[in-house]
Protein backbone atom coordinates (compact mmCIF):
# COMPACT_ATOMS: atom_id res chain seq x y z
CA MET A 1 0.00 0.00 0.00
CA GLY A 2 1.22 3.47 -0.86
CA LEU A 3 1.38 6.43 1.47
CA VAL A 4 -1.56 8.19 -0.18
CA SER A 5 -3.82 5.16 0.20
CA ARG A 6 -3.12 5.03 3.95
CA LEU A 7 -4.07 8.65 4.52
CA PRO A 8 -7.51 9.27 6.05
CA ARG A 9 -9.90 10.49 3.37
CA PRO A 10 -12.40 13.24 4.05
CA LYS A 11 -15.95 12.00 3.82
CA GLY A 12 -18.50 13.80 1.75
CA MET A 13 -16.19 16.74 0.92
CA HIS A 14 -17.56 18.98 -1.79
CA PRO A 15 -15.18 19.53 -4.76
CA ARG A 16 -15.19 23.24 -3.99
CA GLU A 17 -14.02 22.55 -0.43
CA LEU A 18 -11.29 20.20 -1.68
CA GLU A 19 -10.07 22.84 -4.13
CA LYS A 20 -10.03 25.41 -1.35
CA MET A 21 -7.93 23.11 0.85
CA ILE A 22 -5.41 22.44 -1.93
CA PHE A 23 -4.96 26.12 -2.72
CA SER A 24 -4.51 26.98 0.94
CA VAL A 25 -1.60 24.52 1.13
CA MET A 26 -0.04 26.04 -2.02
CA GLY A 27 -0.07 29.58 -0.65
CA GLY A 28 -3.34 30.79 -2.11
CA GLY A 29 -7.02 30.06 -1.80
CA ILE A 30 -10.55 30.48 -3.02
CA THR A 31 -11.91 33.96 -2.40
CA ASP A 32 -15.48 35.02 -1.71
CA SER A 33 -15.67 36.26 -5.29
CA GLY A 34 -15.14 32.67 -6.46
CA VAL A 35 -11.66 33.27 -7.93
CA SER A 36 -8.63 31.18 -6.98
CA VAL A 37 -5.73 33.46 -6.03
CA ASN A 38 -2.10 32.54 -5.41
CA SER A 39 1.26 34.09 -6.19
CA ASP A 40 1.11 32.96 -9.83
CA THR A 41 -2.51 33.78 -10.69
CA ALA A 42 -2.20 37.21 -9.04
CA MET A 43 0.19 38.30 -11.80
CA ARG A 44 -2.69 37.98 -14.29
CA LEU A 45 -4.23 41.08 -12.74
CA ILE A 46 -2.60 43.98 -14.55
CA THR A 47 -2.40 46.16 -11.42
CA VAL A 48 -0.41 43.49 -9.56
CA GLN A 49 1.88 42.98 -12.54
CA ASN A 50 2.49 46.72 -12.92
CA CYS A 51 3.37 47.09 -9.22
CA VAL A 52 5.70 44.07 -9.18
CA ARG A 53 7.42 45.19 -12.38
CA MET A 54 7.88 48.69 -10.97
CA ARG A 55 9.44 47.42 -7.74
CA ALA A 56 11.65 44.91 -9.56
CA SER A 57 12.84 47.39 -12.18
CA THR A 58 13.63 49.93 -9.46
CA LEU A 59 15.95 47.54 -7.65
CA GLN A 60 17.49 46.54 -10.98
CA ARG A 61 18.67 50.11 -11.50
CA LEU A 62 20.47 50.26 -8.14
CA PRO A 63 24.07 49.00 -8.25
CA CYS A 64 25.15 47.13 -5.13
CA HIS A 65 28.72 47.97 -4.06
CA VAL A 66 30.83 46.26 -1.41
CA MET A 67 32.50 48.98 0.64
CA ARG A 68 35.67 48.81 2.73
CA THR A 69 36.15 50.86 5.88
CA ALA A 70 39.54 52.06 7.11
CA GLY A 71 39.09 54.34 10.09
CA ARG A 72 36.88 57.18 8.87
CA MET A 73 37.53 56.40 5.22
CA ARG A 74 35.14 54.38 3.07
CA ASN A 75 36.07 53.12 -0.38
CA LYS A 76 34.76 50.61 -2.90
CA ALA A 77 36.31 47.19 -2.30
CA ASP A 78 36.65 46.33 -6.00
CA ASP A 79 39.29 43.69 -5.21
CA PHE A 80 37.01 41.81 -2.76
CA TYR A 81 35.66 38.45 -3.97
CA LEU A 82 31.99 39.44 -3.44
CA TYR A 83 32.28 42.75 -5.28
CA ASP A 84 31.85 41.37 -8.81
CA LEU A 85 29.15 38.89 -7.71
CA LEU A 86 26.87 41.56 -6.25
CA LEU A 87 27.59 44.30 -8.78
CA HIS A 88 27.92 42.48 -12.11
CA GLN A 89 27.28 38.73 -12.26
CA PRO A 90 26.19 36.49 -9.35
CA ASN A 91 26.34 33.32 -11.48
CA SER A 92 27.27 32.21 -14.99
CA TRP A 93 23.84 32.86 -16.59
CA MET A 94 22.44 35.90 -14.75
CA THR A 95 23.48 39.51 -14.58
CA ALA A 96 23.16 41.43 -11.33
CA PRO A 97 20.03 43.32 -12.55
CA ASP A 98 18.43 39.97 -13.44
CA PHE A 99 19.27 38.59 -10.00
CA TRP A 100 18.05 41.57 -7.97
CA GLY A 101 14.93 41.97 -10.10
CA MET A 102 14.04 38.32 -9.53
CA ALA A 103 14.72 38.70 -5.81
CA GLU A 104 12.39 41.70 -5.52
CA ALA A 105 9.66 39.94 -7.54
CA TYR A 106 9.85 36.89 -5.26
CA VAL A 107 9.68 39.02 -2.10
CA SER A 108 6.75 41.02 -3.51
CA LEU A 109 4.77 37.95 -4.57
CA ARG A 110 5.83 35.30 -2.05
CA GLY A 111 7.56 37.08 0.83
CA ASN A 112 10.82 35.13 0.50
CA PHE A 113 13.75 34.80 -1.89
CA CYS A 114 16.45 32.18 -1.33
CA ALA A 115 19.70 31.53 -3.20
CA TYR A 116 22.18 28.70 -2.72
CA LYS A 117 25.72 29.78 -1.88
CA ALA A 118 28.03 27.74 -4.12
CA ARG A 119 31.53 27.74 -2.64
CA ILE A 120 35.01 26.81 -3.69
CA GLY A 121 35.47 23.71 -1.56
CA ASN A 122 33.49 23.14 1.61
CA ASP A 123 34.53 26.27 3.49
CA GLY A 124 36.02 28.34 0.69
CA PRO A 125 34.82 31.72 -0.57
CA ILE A 126 31.48 32.04 -2.35
CA LYS A 127 31.87 31.71 -6.11
CA SER A 128 28.23 32.11 -7.19
CA LEU A 129 24.69 32.65 -5.94
CA ILE A 130 22.12 30.25 -7.44
CA PRO A 131 18.43 31.23 -7.02
CA ILE A 132 16.21 28.51 -5.57
CA PRO A 133 12.88 28.28 -7.47
CA ALA A 134 9.78 28.67 -5.34
CA SER A 135 8.51 25.34 -6.64
CA MET A 136 11.49 23.57 -5.03
CA LEU A 137 11.34 25.27 -1.63
CA ARG A 138 8.93 23.18 0.44
CA SER A 139 9.39 24.69 3.89
CA ILE A 140 11.49 26.92 6.12
CA LYS A 141 11.64 25.77 9.73
CA GLN A 142 13.45 26.85 12.86
CA ASN A 143 15.14 24.14 14.91
CA GLU A 144 15.28 23.94 18.69
CA ASP A 145 18.72 25.60 18.66
CA TYR A 146 17.21 28.49 16.61
CA SER A 147 19.09 27.51 13.47
CA LEU A 148 17.11 27.44 10.21
CA ASP A 149 16.38 24.43 8.02
CA TYR A 150 15.43 24.76 4.34
CA GLU A 151 13.72 21.72 2.82
CA LEU A 152 14.03 21.40 -0.97
CA GLN A 153 12.38 18.95 -3.33
CA PHE A 154 14.06 18.48 -6.70
CA PRO A 155 12.18 17.67 -9.92
CA ASN A 156 13.20 14.01 -9.66
CA GLY A 157 11.56 13.77 -6.22
CA ASP A 158 14.74 13.87 -4.12
CA ILE A 159 14.52 15.73 -0.80
CA ARG A 160 17.47 17.76 0.45
CA HIS A 161 17.90 19.90 3.55
CA LEU A 162 20.08 23.02 3.66
CA ASN A 163 21.12 24.94 6.76
CA GLU A 164 21.33 28.69 7.15
CA THR A 165 25.05 28.78 6.30
CA GLN A 166 24.26 27.50 2.80
CA VAL A 167 21.43 29.89 1.89
CA PHE A 168 21.22 33.61 1.13
CA HIS A 169 17.73 34.57 2.32
CA LEU A 170 15.84 37.81 1.62
CA ARG A 171 12.50 38.18 3.34
CA GLY A 172 9.75 40.77 3.42
CA LEU A 173 7.52 41.55 6.37
CA THR A 174 7.89 38.72 8.88
CA LEU A 175 5.59 37.64 11.69
CA ASP A 176 7.77 34.90 13.14
CA GLY A 177 11.25 36.31 12.58
CA PHE A 178 12.54 33.81 10.02
CA THR A 179 9.99 33.57 7.15
CA GLY A 180 8.56 36.39 5.12
CA MET A 181 4.80 36.89 5.06
CA ASN A 182 3.13 36.03 1.74
CA PRO A 183 1.43 39.35 0.81
CA ILE A 184 -0.76 37.73 -1.87
CA GLU A 185 -2.24 35.30 0.66
CA TYR A 186 -3.25 38.09 3.04
CA ALA A 187 -4.63 40.36 0.29
CA ARG A 188 -6.22 37.66 -1.84
CA GLU A 189 -9.76 38.99 -1.36
CA ALA A 190 -8.86 42.37 -2.90
CA ILE A 191 -6.89 40.71 -5.71
CA GLY A 192 -9.66 38.16 -6.30
CA LYS A 193 -12.19 40.99 -6.54
CA GLY A 194 -10.01 42.67 -9.18
CA ILE A 195 -9.66 39.47 -11.22
CA ALA A 196 -13.41 38.80 -10.96
CA SER A 197 -14.17 42.35 -12.11
CA GLU A 198 -11.95 41.98 -15.17
CA LYS A 199 -13.55 38.64 -16.03
CA HIS A 200 -17.02 40.12 -15.64
CA LEU A 201 -16.15 43.06 -17.90
CA ALA A 202 -14.57 40.77 -20.52
CA LYS A 203 -17.64 38.51 -20.57
CA TRP A 204 -19.90 41.56 -20.85
CA PHE A 205 -18.09 42.59 -24.03
CA SER A 206 -17.81 39.06 -25.43
CA LYS A 207 -21.50 38.29 -25.02
CA GLY A 208 -22.59 41.34 -27.00
CA MET A 209 -26.24 42.19 -26.27
CA HIS A 210 -25.43 45.87 -25.83
CA PRO A 211 -26.74 47.55 -29.02
CA SER A 212 -26.43 51.30 -29.51
CA ALA A 213 -30.11 51.67 -30.43
CA VAL A 214 -33.30 49.60 -30.15
CA ILE A 215 -36.11 50.24 -32.66
CA LYS A 216 -39.57 48.91 -31.83
CA HIS A 217 -42.26 48.25 -34.48
CA PRO A 218 -45.92 48.03 -33.45
CA LEU A 219 -46.60 45.22 -35.93
CA SER A 220 -45.22 41.71 -36.29
CA LEU A 221 -42.86 41.64 -39.30
CA ASN A 222 -42.02 38.59 -41.33
CA SER A 223 -38.46 37.78 -42.30
CA PRO A 224 -38.36 39.67 -45.65
CA GLN A 225 -39.94 42.77 -44.12
CA HIS A 226 -37.56 42.67 -41.15
CA ALA A 227 -34.52 42.31 -43.42
CA LYS A 228 -35.67 45.15 -45.71
CA LEU A 229 -36.28 47.54 -42.82
CA ARG A 230 -32.94 46.70 -41.24
CA GLU A 231 -31.08 47.25 -44.51
CA GLU A 232 -32.77 50.62 -45.11
CA LEU A 233 -31.86 51.88 -41.65
CA LYS A 234 -28.25 50.71 -41.96
CA THR A 235 -27.85 52.30 -45.40
CA LYS A 236 -29.23 55.63 -44.23
CA TYR A 237 -27.81 56.07 -40.74
CA GLU A 238 -24.82 53.72 -40.23
CA GLY A 239 -21.23 55.03 -40.35
CA LEU A 240 -19.37 58.16 -39.27
CA GLY A 241 -20.54 60.12 -42.31
CA SER A 242 -24.12 59.94 -41.10
CA ASP A 243 -23.52 61.63 -37.74
CA HIS A 244 -26.14 64.20 -36.71
CA GLU A 245 -28.48 63.28 -39.59
CA PHE A 246 -32.23 63.65 -39.04
CA MET A 247 -33.76 60.23 -38.35
CA LEU A 248 -37.23 59.76 -39.81
CA ILE A 249 -39.17 56.72 -38.66
CA ASP A 250 -42.76 55.91 -39.56
CA GLU A 251 -45.39 53.22 -39.12
CA GLY A 252 -45.57 54.00 -35.39
CA MET A 253 -41.99 52.84 -34.69
CA THR A 254 -40.12 54.08 -31.60
CA ILE A 255 -36.37 54.19 -30.90
CA ASP A 256 -34.53 53.85 -27.57
CA PHE A 257 -30.84 54.41 -26.79
CA PRO A 258 -29.92 52.09 -23.89
CA GLN A 259 -27.53 53.34 -21.24
CA ILE A 260 -24.52 51.45 -19.87
CA LYS A 261 -25.78 49.98 -16.61
CA LEU A 262 -22.25 49.31 -15.35
CA VAL A 263 -21.69 53.01 -14.73
CA ASP A 264 -25.00 53.30 -12.86
CA ALA A 265 -23.88 50.44 -10.61
CA GLN A 266 -20.59 52.30 -9.90
CA PHE A 267 -18.69 49.42 -11.41
CA LEU A 268 -15.91 51.60 -12.78
CA GLU A 269 -15.51 53.39 -9.45
CA GLN A 270 -15.17 50.03 -7.72
CA MET A 271 -12.39 49.05 -10.14
CA LYS A 272 -10.55 52.31 -9.38
CA LEU A 273 -10.85 51.64 -5.65
CA ASN A 274 -9.51 48.12 -6.12
CA GLU A 275 -6.56 49.48 -8.10
CA ALA A 276 -5.74 51.96 -5.33
CA GLN A 277 -5.92 49.22 -2.65
CA ILE A 278 -3.50 46.96 -4.51
CA CYS A 279 -1.06 49.81 -5.17
CA GLY A 280 -1.23 50.65 -1.47
CA MET A 281 -0.35 47.07 -0.57
CA PHE A 282 2.79 47.24 -2.76
CA ARG A 283 3.52 50.84 -1.63
CA VAL A 284 3.61 52.05 -5.24
CA PRO A 285 2.00 55.43 -6.06
CA LEU A 286 -0.79 55.26 -8.62
CA MET A 287 1.03 57.63 -10.97
CA LEU A 288 3.87 55.12 -11.40
CA VAL A 289 1.50 52.47 -12.80
CA ASN A 290 -0.49 54.99 -14.87
CA GLY A 291 -3.45 54.54 -12.54
CA GLY A 292 -6.00 56.88 -11.05
CA ASP A 293 -8.18 59.46 -12.74
CA LYS A 294 -6.26 62.58 -11.72
CA SER A 295 -3.14 63.79 -13.50
CA PRO A 296 -0.44 64.73 -10.98
CA THR A 297 1.12 68.16 -11.09
CA TYR A 298 4.88 68.63 -11.16
CA ALA A 299 4.98 69.36 -7.43
CA SER A 300 2.76 66.41 -6.47
CA SER A 301 4.61 63.97 -8.74
CA GLU A 302 7.89 65.01 -7.11
CA GLN A 303 6.45 64.29 -3.68
CA PHE A 304 5.14 60.92 -4.86
CA MET A 305 8.62 60.02 -6.10
CA LEU A 306 10.19 61.03 -2.79
CA PHE A 307 7.62 58.90 -0.95
CA TYR A 308 8.41 55.93 -3.20
CA GLN A 309 12.15 56.30 -2.64
CA MET A 310 11.87 56.70 1.13
CA PHE A 311 9.25 54.12 2.04
CA SER A 312 8.91 51.59 -0.79
CA ILE A 313 12.43 50.35 -1.51
CA ASP A 314 13.65 47.86 1.11
CA VAL A 315 17.38 48.19 0.43
CA ALA A 316 18.26 48.55 4.13
CA SER A 317 16.79 45.10 4.80
CA TYR A 318 18.68 43.61 1.85
CA GLU A 319 21.96 45.21 2.91
CA SER A 320 21.54 43.68 6.37
CA ALA A 321 20.79 40.28 4.81
CA ILE A 322 24.01 40.49 2.77
CA ARG A 323 25.96 41.21 5.94
CA ARG A 324 24.28 38.32 7.79
CA ASP A 325 24.47 35.64 5.08
CA LEU A 326 27.43 36.49 2.84
CA LEU A 327 30.07 37.99 5.14
CA THR A 328 32.02 36.15 7.81
CA GLN A 329 32.40 37.45 11.34
CA GLU A 330 35.86 38.81 10.53
CA GLU A 331 34.78 40.37 7.22
CA ARG A 332 31.92 42.26 8.88
CA LYS A 333 34.46 44.38 10.75
CA THR A 334 35.79 45.83 7.48
CA TYR A 335 33.24 45.29 4.69
CA TYR A 336 29.59 46.13 4.14
CA ALA A 337 27.19 46.26 1.17
CA LYS A 338 25.57 49.46 -0.07
CA PHE A 339 22.95 49.97 -2.78
CA GLU A 340 23.56 53.17 -4.73
CA LEU A 341 20.35 55.17 -4.34
CA ARG A 342 21.57 58.28 -6.11
CA GLY A 343 20.46 56.78 -9.42
CA LEU A 344 16.85 57.34 -8.30
CA LEU A 345 17.48 60.94 -7.32
CA ARG A 346 18.49 62.16 -10.75
CA GLY A 347 16.34 65.03 -11.95
CA SER A 348 16.61 67.27 -14.95
CA PHE A 349 20.05 68.39 -16.17
CA LYS A 350 19.45 71.86 -14.74
CA ASP A 351 18.57 70.46 -11.30
CA GLN A 352 21.59 68.15 -11.35
CA MET A 353 23.96 71.00 -12.17
CA ALA A 354 22.46 73.19 -9.44
CA GLY A 355 22.88 70.39 -6.90
CA PHE A 356 26.48 69.71 -7.92
CA GLN A 357 27.25 73.42 -7.75
CA ILE A 358 25.97 73.60 -4.18
CA GLY A 359 27.93 70.47 -3.24
CA VAL A 360 31.20 71.78 -4.70
CA ASN A 361 30.83 75.32 -3.35
CA THR A 362 30.15 74.04 0.17
CA GLU A 363 33.09 71.59 -0.09
CA ILE A 364 30.85 68.55 0.33
CA LEU A 365 31.97 67.28 -3.09
CA SER A 366 35.16 67.76 -5.02
CA PRO A 367 34.80 68.56 -8.74
CA ASN A 368 36.05 65.10 -9.68
CA GLU A 369 33.54 63.42 -7.37
CA ALA A 370 30.75 65.35 -9.06
CA ARG A 371 32.11 64.35 -12.47
CA GLU A 372 32.26 60.70 -11.37
CA LEU A 373 28.54 60.79 -10.55
CA MET A 374 27.96 61.78 -14.19
CA ASP A 375 30.32 59.06 -15.52
CA MET A 376 32.83 61.67 -16.64
CA ASN A 377 36.61 61.40 -16.43
CA PRO A 378 38.51 63.36 -13.74
CA TYR A 379 40.92 66.21 -14.44
CA ASP A 380 44.14 67.28 -12.74
CA GLY A 381 43.51 69.38 -9.67
CA GLY A 382 39.85 68.36 -9.45
CA ASP A 383 40.31 66.33 -6.26
CA GLU A 384 40.78 69.41 -4.08
CA TYR A 385 37.93 70.53 -1.82
CA ARG A 386 37.74 74.26 -2.25
CA THR A 387 35.18 76.99 -2.68
CA ARG A 388 34.94 77.66 -6.38
CA THR A 389 32.92 80.86 -6.77
CA SER A 390 32.83 82.63 -3.41
CA THR A 391 35.21 85.51 -2.70
CA VAL A 392 37.15 86.02 0.50
CA LYS A 393 36.86 89.52 1.91
CA GLU A 394 39.76 91.13 3.73
CA PRO A 395 39.01 92.13 7.31
CA ALA A 396 38.05 95.80 7.66
CA LYS A 397 40.71 98.15 8.98
CA LYS A 398 40.18 99.42 12.52
CA GLU A 399 39.58 103.15 12.76
CA PRO A 400 42.21 104.86 14.94
CA ALA A 401 40.96 106.39 18.21
CA GLN A 402 41.17 110.11 18.92
CA GLY A 403 44.53 111.21 20.15
CA GLU A 404 46.37 108.23 18.61
CA ASP A 405 49.00 108.76 15.95
CA GLU A 406 47.85 107.86 12.49
């Protein structure tokens, strides 16, 4: 007897209940709207896809540097073994933007992203980071000694356990301290309502039955009479060239122009509300996914961008995870990871030049440091910190007192 045959079977379970149980195990579930929602089906809702793509593409644009500290000095550790992995290529088939974009998409849709740390030898340095597909990660558990255990199931059915020293783990909001919360599972009712609304609207269009005009005849027409009347009306009034023509109907006929009942039922307003709720869950302003019915002004769009940069990008959590999982105890004293956020702060050329001018004139930046931010080559003498445009006034001469010799 196999394992499945020995399991107790539920008696009299409705197929809907069985489907609900299966989806709950797989990280999703049946919603009250009747739509099954999990991390994969949620991406079929365009609002979810836009938010996930925005968050992933944002992290893809942020280079991750490994920095070295020496007293009060901080410099890029371009000779450190992790520098190229995190900045350029974490493995042989992925670039760093591919890797970080995938990581952000996994955290946004599932709450967790895990990568296997392939080493040179058993205890050698890390040579590559290999993402673990969500379909292979069966569970994340905490042992009695507080260490973590990652259970993987390979396509051939083999089960393998990894410990925390073998896995690079990024997590979103956590409720237990070691696994990220699945945001799709907790917001599945709102997402299911959005998917159900789109299906309803698509079926409404596919079924037809929404003519622009309905003409009623007081008599019962046979097929030839019906066809003749229809053809005469189409010939006279159909097409853009017949706009605003006088319509003459006789034989006691009446004409009605039906209204769209979806607007009366506030269906479109409900879809806008659903879009705003999902964007709020992902902390993405509506303007970044081309949502909402109000066009932002220049001032408001700037504030939205500042909000997105300050509260939506979880780089501080990822930098801490790099320190915890990729650096040894000794390396943490000297090295740390830093995502370059200045790429998100670039404005117009005029604003950039004004900001660099303030930085150079106040000796916060040297001219060569400002040129480096624009990917320009340095020049001789540009490493000095000096005021470039201000003038130094000589102290005023003291007036001699009365009775003193001039």
